[in-house]
Amino acid sequence: MNHLIILAHPNPKSFSTWLTDSITEALVVKGHNVVVRDLYAIGFNPLLSRSDLASLQKGEIPADIRYEQNLLAEAEEITVIYPLWWDNAPAILRGYFERICTNGFAFKYTDKGMVGLLSGKKVRIFTPMGNSYANYEANGGIEIMRRSFDVCNFETCGMEVLYHRYFDNVPSATTEKLQQYITEAINSYNLD
C-alpha cells in the first residue's frame, strides 16, 4: 500500500518526529511504500502567492504544487502529524492544504455545490498537544477542531478520515506514556 505521511513540526527532536519515524518504520517493515513529507525540513512554502493563484486560474500548476499533488494522488492512505498550537494546526500545514488541494485536483464546483475528487483515500491524523483532552472536550473544542480540520481539509475533498487521535499532555508525559501513544498510533493501522 502507498502511504503519504505529512509532518508539520519544526523540531526534529519532537514527539511528533519520533511518532513519524516510528510509524514509518512499522509500515516499511510490513512491506508498505512510505513517502514522508516533513514540511519544515523540506522548506515547504505555505503561502499561496498572487502568481500561484494566477497560474492556477489559467490551468497552469506551479511545479512545487504539482509535485505534492502527485504524491497525494499516488497515496492510498495519508497520515498527518501536527502539534496543536493555538487550537489549530501550524500555519505551514494549513498553507500546505491551501496550496495543494486546488480546484480541479481535490475538488470541483458543480451546480449542486462543491464535490470532492479524492475519494477512496483514507486518512489518519495524530495531534500531540500540551493541554488535556478533557479540557478541550468539556467546552466542545475537540468537535470544533475536528470539523475545522478533518471535514474542511479531507472530507470536503472526498477523503475518509478513519482516525484522529489527540495525544494530551505531551510536554509533561513520561517516556513510557509517549511510547504508549506511539504503540496506539501504530496499532491503528491493523498491520498484523
C-alpha atoms as a PDB file:
ATOM      1  CA  MET A   1       0.000   0.000   0.000  1.00  0.00           C
ATOM      2  CA  ASN A   2       1.197   3.542  -0.730  1.00  0.00           C
ATOM      3  CA  HIS A   3       1.338   5.802   2.306  1.00  0.00           C
ATOM      4  CA  LEU A   4       1.987   9.536   2.432  1.00  0.00           C
ATOM      5  CA  ILE A   5       2.967  10.899   5.836  1.00  0.00           C
ATOM      6  CA  ILE A   6       2.857  14.658   6.287  1.00  0.00           C
ATOM      7  CA  LEU A   7       4.706  16.020   9.329  1.00  0.00           C
ATOM      8  CA  ALA A   8       4.350  19.621  10.478  1.00  0.00           C
ATOM      9  CA  HIS A   9       6.704  20.220  13.412  1.00  0.00           C
ATOM     10  CA  PRO A  10       9.869  22.350  13.262  1.00  0.00           C
ATOM     11  CA  ASN A  11      11.793  20.432  15.937  1.00  0.00           C
ATOM     12  CA  PRO A  12      13.493  17.260  14.643  1.00  0.00           C
ATOM     13  CA  LYS A  13      13.660  16.001  18.259  1.00  0.00           C
ATOM     14  CA  SER A  14       9.953  16.486  18.948  1.00  0.00           C
ATOM     15  CA  PHE A  15       7.476  13.789  19.899  1.00  0.00           C
ATOM     16  CA  SER A  16       5.791  14.427  16.522  1.00  0.00           C
ATOM     17  CA  THR A  17       9.018  13.496  14.735  1.00  0.00           C
ATOM     18  CA  TRP A  18       9.521  10.433  16.943  1.00  0.00           C
ATOM     19  CA  LEU A  19       5.948   9.398  16.157  1.00  0.00           C
ATOM     20  CA  THR A  20       6.511   9.926  12.424  1.00  0.00           C
ATOM     21  CA  ASP A  21       9.705   7.871  12.447  1.00  0.00           C
ATOM     22  CA  SER A  22       8.051   5.053  14.441  1.00  0.00           C
ATOM     23  CA  ILE A  23       5.013   4.845  12.155  1.00  0.00           C
ATOM     24  CA  THR A  24       7.226   4.940   9.066  1.00  0.00           C
ATOM     25  CA  GLU A  25       9.385   2.106  10.363  1.00  0.00           C
ATOM     26  CA  ALA A  26       6.354  -0.034  11.282  1.00  0.00           C
ATOM     27  CA  LEU A  27       4.809   0.431   7.824  1.00  0.00           C
ATOM     28  CA  VAL A  28       8.051  -0.257   5.947  1.00  0.00           C
ATOM     29  CA  VAL A  29       8.693  -3.428   7.984  1.00  0.00           C
ATOM     30  CA  LYS A  30       5.283  -4.694   6.825  1.00  0.00           C
ATOM     31  CA  GLY A  31       6.159  -4.003   3.176  1.00  0.00           C
ATOM     32  CA  HIS A  32       4.292  -0.736   2.621  1.00  0.00           C
ATOM     33  CA  ASN A  33       5.640   2.058   0.434  1.00  0.00           C
ATOM     34  CA  VAL A  34       6.032   5.204   2.510  1.00  0.00           C
ATOM     35  CA  VAL A  35       6.793   8.777   1.480  1.00  0.00           C
ATOM     36  CA  VAL A  36       7.371  11.262   4.306  1.00  0.00           C
ATOM     37  CA  ARG A  37       6.969  14.982   3.713  1.00  0.00           C
ATOM     38  CA  ASP A  38       8.488  16.841   6.674  1.00  0.00           C
ATOM     39  CA  LEU A  39       7.207  20.275   5.714  1.00  0.00           C
ATOM     40  CA  TYR A  40       9.743  22.204   7.784  1.00  0.00           C
ATOM     41  CA  ALA A  41      12.705  20.067   6.700  1.00  0.00           C
ATOM     42  CA  ILE A  42      11.864  20.468   3.006  1.00  0.00           C
ATOM     43  CA  GLY A  43      11.257  24.198   3.424  1.00  0.00           C
ATOM     44  CA  PHE A  44       7.741  23.988   2.044  1.00  0.00           C
ATOM     45  CA  ASN A  45       6.390  27.423   1.132  1.00  0.00           C
ATOM     46  CA  PRO A  46       2.895  27.629   2.648  1.00  0.00           C
ATOM     47  CA  LEU A  47       1.954  30.934   1.018  1.00  0.00           C
ATOM     48  CA  LEU A  48      -0.452  30.854  -1.874  1.00  0.00           C
ATOM     49  CA  SER A  49       1.035  33.748  -3.819  1.00  0.00           C
ATOM     50  CA  ARG A  50      -0.615  36.004  -6.352  1.00  0.00           C
ATOM     51  CA  SER A  51       1.430  34.345  -9.090  1.00  0.00           C
ATOM     52  CA  ASP A  52       0.368  30.864  -7.870  1.00  0.00           C
ATOM     53  CA  LEU A  53      -3.261  31.910  -7.935  1.00  0.00           C
ATOM     54  CA  ALA A  54      -2.949  33.486 -11.378  1.00  0.00           C
ATOM     55  CA  SER A  55      -1.274  30.330 -12.723  1.00  0.00           C
ATOM     56  CA  LEU A  56      -3.897  28.055 -11.198  1.00  0.00           C
ATOM     57  CA  GLN A  57      -6.706  30.147 -12.631  1.00  0.00           C
ATOM     58  CA  LYS A  58      -5.143  29.662 -16.088  1.00  0.00           C
ATOM     59  CA  GLY A  59      -4.912  25.909 -15.520  1.00  0.00           C
ATOM     60  CA  GLU A  60      -1.137  26.046 -15.048  1.00  0.00           C
ATOM     61  CA  ILE A  61       0.045  24.298 -11.911  1.00  0.00           C
ATOM     62  CA  PRO A  62       3.310  25.552 -10.370  1.00  0.00           C
ATOM     63  CA  ALA A  63       5.961  22.826 -10.190  1.00  0.00           C
ATOM     64  CA  ASP A  64       6.110  22.582  -6.388  1.00  0.00           C
ATOM     65  CA  ILE A  65       2.316  22.280  -6.152  1.00  0.00           C
ATOM     66  CA  ARG A  66       2.215  19.666  -8.911  1.00  0.00           C
ATOM     67  CA  TYR A  67       4.917  17.624  -7.152  1.00  0.00           C
ATOM     68  CA  GLU A  68       2.931  17.482  -3.904  1.00  0.00           C
ATOM     69  CA  GLN A  69      -0.310  16.783  -5.769  1.00  0.00           C
ATOM     70  CA  ASN A  70       1.333  13.817  -7.492  1.00  0.00           C
ATOM     71  CA  LEU A  71       2.389  12.400  -4.105  1.00  0.00           C
ATOM     72  CA  LEU A  72      -1.125  12.870  -2.765  1.00  0.00           C
ATOM     73  CA  ALA A  73      -2.661  11.317  -5.881  1.00  0.00           C
ATOM     74  CA  GLU A  74      -0.426   8.221  -5.586  1.00  0.00           C
ATOM     75  CA  ALA A  75      -1.154   7.710  -1.883  1.00  0.00           C
ATOM     76  CA  GLU A  76      -3.852   5.293  -0.813  1.00  0.00           C
ATOM     77  CA  GLU A  77      -3.501   6.320   2.812  1.00  0.00           C
ATOM     78  CA  ILE A  78      -2.442   9.670   4.206  1.00  0.00           C
ATOM     79  CA  THR A  79      -1.194  10.257   7.729  1.00  0.00           C
ATOM     80  CA  VAL A  80      -0.956  13.776   9.088  1.00  0.00           C
ATOM     81  CA  ILE A  81       1.011  14.539  12.242  1.00  0.00           C
ATOM     82  CA  TYR A  82       0.953  18.020  13.731  1.00  0.00           C
ATOM     83  CA  PRO A  83       1.063  19.648  17.166  1.00  0.00           C
ATOM     84  CA  LEU A  84      -1.921  21.628  18.365  1.00  0.00           C
ATOM     85  CA  TRP A  85      -0.942  25.296  18.508  1.00  0.00           C
ATOM     86  CA  TRP A  86      -3.496  27.933  19.429  1.00  0.00           C
ATOM     87  CA  ASP A  87      -6.295  25.416  18.878  1.00  0.00           C
ATOM     88  CA  ASN A  88      -5.196  24.763  15.305  1.00  0.00           C
ATOM     89  CA  ALA A  89      -2.577  23.173  13.095  1.00  0.00           C
ATOM     90  CA  PRO A  90       0.661  25.054  12.434  1.00  0.00           C
ATOM     91  CA  ALA A  91       0.413  27.627   9.637  1.00  0.00           C
ATOM     92  CA  ILE A  92       2.759  25.611   7.412  1.00  0.00           C
ATOM     93  CA  LEU A  93       0.276  22.718   7.383  1.00  0.00           C
ATOM     94  CA  ARG A  94      -2.743  24.918   6.779  1.00  0.00           C
ATOM     95  CA  GLY A  95      -0.824  26.534   3.919  1.00  0.00           C
ATOM     96  CA  TYR A  96       0.069  23.108   2.535  1.00  0.00           C
ATOM     97  CA  PHE A  97      -3.586  22.207   2.104  1.00  0.00           C
ATOM     98  CA  GLU A  98      -4.424  25.677   0.807  1.00  0.00           C
ATOM     99  CA  ARG A  99      -1.819  25.342  -1.949  1.00  0.00           C
ATOM    100  CA  ILE A 100      -2.145  21.622  -2.764  1.00  0.00           C
ATOM    101  CA  CYS A 101      -5.885  20.925  -2.553  1.00  0.00           C
ATOM    102  CA  THR A 102      -6.823  23.053  -5.528  1.00  0.00           C
ATOM    103  CA  ASN A 103      -9.946  23.347  -7.626  1.00  0.00           C
ATOM    104  CA  GLY A 104      -9.772  20.690 -10.330  1.00  0.00           C
ATOM    105  CA  PHE A 105      -7.445  18.463  -8.316  1.00  0.00           C
ATOM    106  CA  ALA A 106      -9.011  17.974  -4.880  1.00  0.00           C
ATOM    107  CA  PHE A 107     -12.491  19.295  -5.644  1.00  0.00           C
ATOM    108  CA  LYS A 108     -14.636  20.883  -8.308  1.00  0.00           C
ATOM    109  CA  TYR A 109     -17.655  23.118  -8.344  1.00  0.00           C
ATOM    110  CA  THR A 110     -20.911  21.874  -9.816  1.00  0.00           C
ATOM    111  CA  ASP A 111     -24.400  23.300  -9.975  1.00  0.00           C
ATOM    112  CA  LYS A 112     -25.042  21.392  -6.730  1.00  0.00           C
ATOM    113  CA  GLY A 113     -22.000  22.847  -4.947  1.00  0.00           C
ATOM    114  CA  MET A 114     -18.509  21.596  -4.249  1.00  0.00           C
ATOM    115  CA  VAL A 115     -17.693  17.935  -4.965  1.00  0.00           C
ATOM    116  CA  GLY A 116     -14.588  16.141  -3.659  1.00  0.00           C
ATOM    117  CA  LEU A 117     -12.317  14.467  -6.208  1.00  0.00           C
ATOM    118  CA  LEU A 118     -10.045  12.434  -3.908  1.00  0.00           C
ATOM    119  CA  SER A 119     -12.474   9.705  -2.888  1.00  0.00           C
ATOM    120  CA  GLY A 120     -11.060   6.330  -1.940  1.00  0.00           C
ATOM    121  CA  LYS A 121      -8.207   7.842   0.081  1.00  0.00           C
ATOM    122  CA  LYS A 122      -8.058   7.040   3.788  1.00  0.00           C
ATOM    123  CA  VAL A 123      -6.674   9.455   6.378  1.00  0.00           C
ATOM    124  CA  ARG A 124      -5.241   9.126   9.880  1.00  0.00           C
ATOM    125  CA  ILE A 125      -4.433  12.191  11.942  1.00  0.00           C
ATOM    126  CA  PHE A 126      -2.311  12.375  15.088  1.00  0.00           C
ATOM    127  CA  THR A 127      -2.250  15.591  17.100  1.00  0.00           C
ATOM    128  CA  PRO A 128       0.066  15.901  20.099  1.00  0.00           C
ATOM    129  CA  MET A 129      -0.983  18.715  22.417  1.00  0.00           C
ATOM    130  CA  GLY A 130       0.145  20.317  25.640  1.00  0.00           C
ATOM    131  CA  ASN A 131      -3.250  20.640  27.297  1.00  0.00           C
ATOM    132  CA  SER A 132      -5.549  17.886  28.476  1.00  0.00           C
ATOM    133  CA  TYR A 133      -8.068  16.315  26.122  1.00  0.00           C
ATOM    134  CA  ALA A 134     -10.739  16.608  28.820  1.00  0.00           C
ATOM    135  CA  ASN A 135     -10.336  20.405  28.966  1.00  0.00           C
ATOM    136  CA  TYR A 136     -10.943  20.729  25.232  1.00  0.00           C
ATOM    137  CA  GLU A 137     -13.744  18.196  25.171  1.00  0.00           C
ATOM    138  CA  ALA A 138     -15.609  19.860  28.048  1.00  0.00           C
ATOM    139  CA  ASN A 139     -16.142  23.070  26.082  1.00  0.00           C
ATOM    140  CA  GLY A 140     -16.752  21.433  22.703  1.00  0.00           C
ATOM    141  CA  GLY A 141     -13.288  22.306  21.436  1.00  0.00           C
ATOM    142  CA  ILE A 142     -12.420  18.842  20.141  1.00  0.00           C
ATOM    143  CA  GLU A 143     -15.529  18.703  17.956  1.00  0.00           C
ATOM    144  CA  ILE A 144     -14.878  22.221  16.659  1.00  0.00           C
ATOM    145  CA  MET A 145     -11.261  21.357  15.818  1.00  0.00           C
ATOM    146  CA  ARG A 146     -12.228  18.084  14.137  1.00  0.00           C
ATOM    147  CA  ARG A 147     -14.845  19.793  11.992  1.00  0.00           C
ATOM    148  CA  SER A 148     -12.467  22.582  11.088  1.00  0.00           C
ATOM    149  CA  PHE A 149      -9.511  20.322  10.255  1.00  0.00           C
ATOM    150  CA  ASP A 150     -10.897  16.894   9.331  1.00  0.00           C
ATOM    151  CA  VAL A 151     -14.001  17.956   7.443  1.00  0.00           C
ATOM    152  CA  CYS A 152     -12.577  21.038   5.736  1.00  0.00           C
ATOM    153  CA  ASN A 153      -9.266  19.527   4.634  1.00  0.00           C
ATOM    154  CA  PHE A 154     -10.227  15.935   3.895  1.00  0.00           C
ATOM    155  CA  GLU A 155     -13.902  15.040   3.826  1.00  0.00           C
ATOM    156  CA  THR A 156     -14.750  18.033   1.632  1.00  0.00           C
ATOM    157  CA  CYS A 157     -12.235  16.668  -0.882  1.00  0.00           C
ATOM    158  CA  GLY A 158     -13.810  13.194  -0.777  1.00  0.00           C
ATOM    159  CA  MET A 159     -11.315  11.522   1.558  1.00  0.00           C
ATOM    160  CA  GLU A 160     -12.360   9.417   4.536  1.00  0.00           C
ATOM    161  CA  VAL A 161     -10.904  10.213   7.950  1.00  0.00           C
ATOM    162  CA  LEU A 162     -10.504   6.841   9.649  1.00  0.00           C
ATOM    163  CA  TYR A 163      -8.880   8.020  12.831  1.00  0.00           C
ATOM    164  CA  HIS A 164      -7.986  11.291  14.553  1.00  0.00           C
ATOM    165  CA  ARG A 165      -6.241  10.939  17.875  1.00  0.00           C
ATOM    166  CA  TYR A 166      -5.297  13.828  20.129  1.00  0.00           C
ATOM    167  CA  PHE A 167      -2.400  12.877  22.435  1.00  0.00           C
ATOM    168  CA  ASP A 168      -2.735  15.074  25.501  1.00  0.00           C
ATOM    169  CA  ASN A 169      -0.231  16.487  27.995  1.00  0.00           C
ATOM    170  CA  VAL A 170       2.716  15.582  25.769  1.00  0.00           C
ATOM    171  CA  PRO A 171       5.266  18.048  27.239  1.00  0.00           C
ATOM    172  CA  SER A 172       4.758  16.602  30.730  1.00  0.00           C
ATOM    173  CA  ALA A 173       4.294  12.949  29.713  1.00  0.00           C
ATOM    174  CA  THR A 174       6.767  10.284  30.747  1.00  0.00           C
ATOM    175  CA  THR A 175       8.744   8.398  28.120  1.00  0.00           C
ATOM    176  CA  GLU A 176       6.608   5.370  28.960  1.00  0.00           C
ATOM    177  CA  LYS A 177       3.408   7.323  28.276  1.00  0.00           C
ATOM    178  CA  LEU A 178       4.802   8.655  24.978  1.00  0.00           C
ATOM    179  CA  GLN A 179       5.714   5.110  23.968  1.00  0.00           C
ATOM    180  CA  GLN A 180       2.122   4.051  24.753  1.00  0.00           C
ATOM    181  CA  TYR A 181       0.895   6.801  22.427  1.00  0.00           C
ATOM    182  CA  ILE A 182       3.213   5.554  19.681  1.00  0.00           C
ATOM    183  CA  THR A 183       2.067   1.955  20.149  1.00  0.00           C
ATOM    184  CA  GLU A 184      -1.569   3.082  19.968  1.00  0.00           C
ATOM    185  CA  ALA A 185      -0.883   5.024  16.760  1.00  0.00           C
ATOM    186  CA  ILE A 186       0.862   2.070  15.103  1.00  0.00           C
ATOM    187  CA  ASN A 187      -1.905  -0.313  16.191  1.00  0.00           C
ATOM    188  CA  SER A 188      -4.477   1.889  14.447  1.00  0.00           C
ATOM    189  CA  TYR A 189      -3.044   0.646  11.124  1.00  0.00           C
ATOM    190  CA  ASN A 190      -4.029  -3.004  11.830  1.00  0.00           C
ATOM    191  CA  LEU A 191      -0.725  -4.259  10.409  1.00  0.00           C
ATOM    192  CA  ASP A 192      -0.970  -7.808  11.770  1.00  0.00           C
END
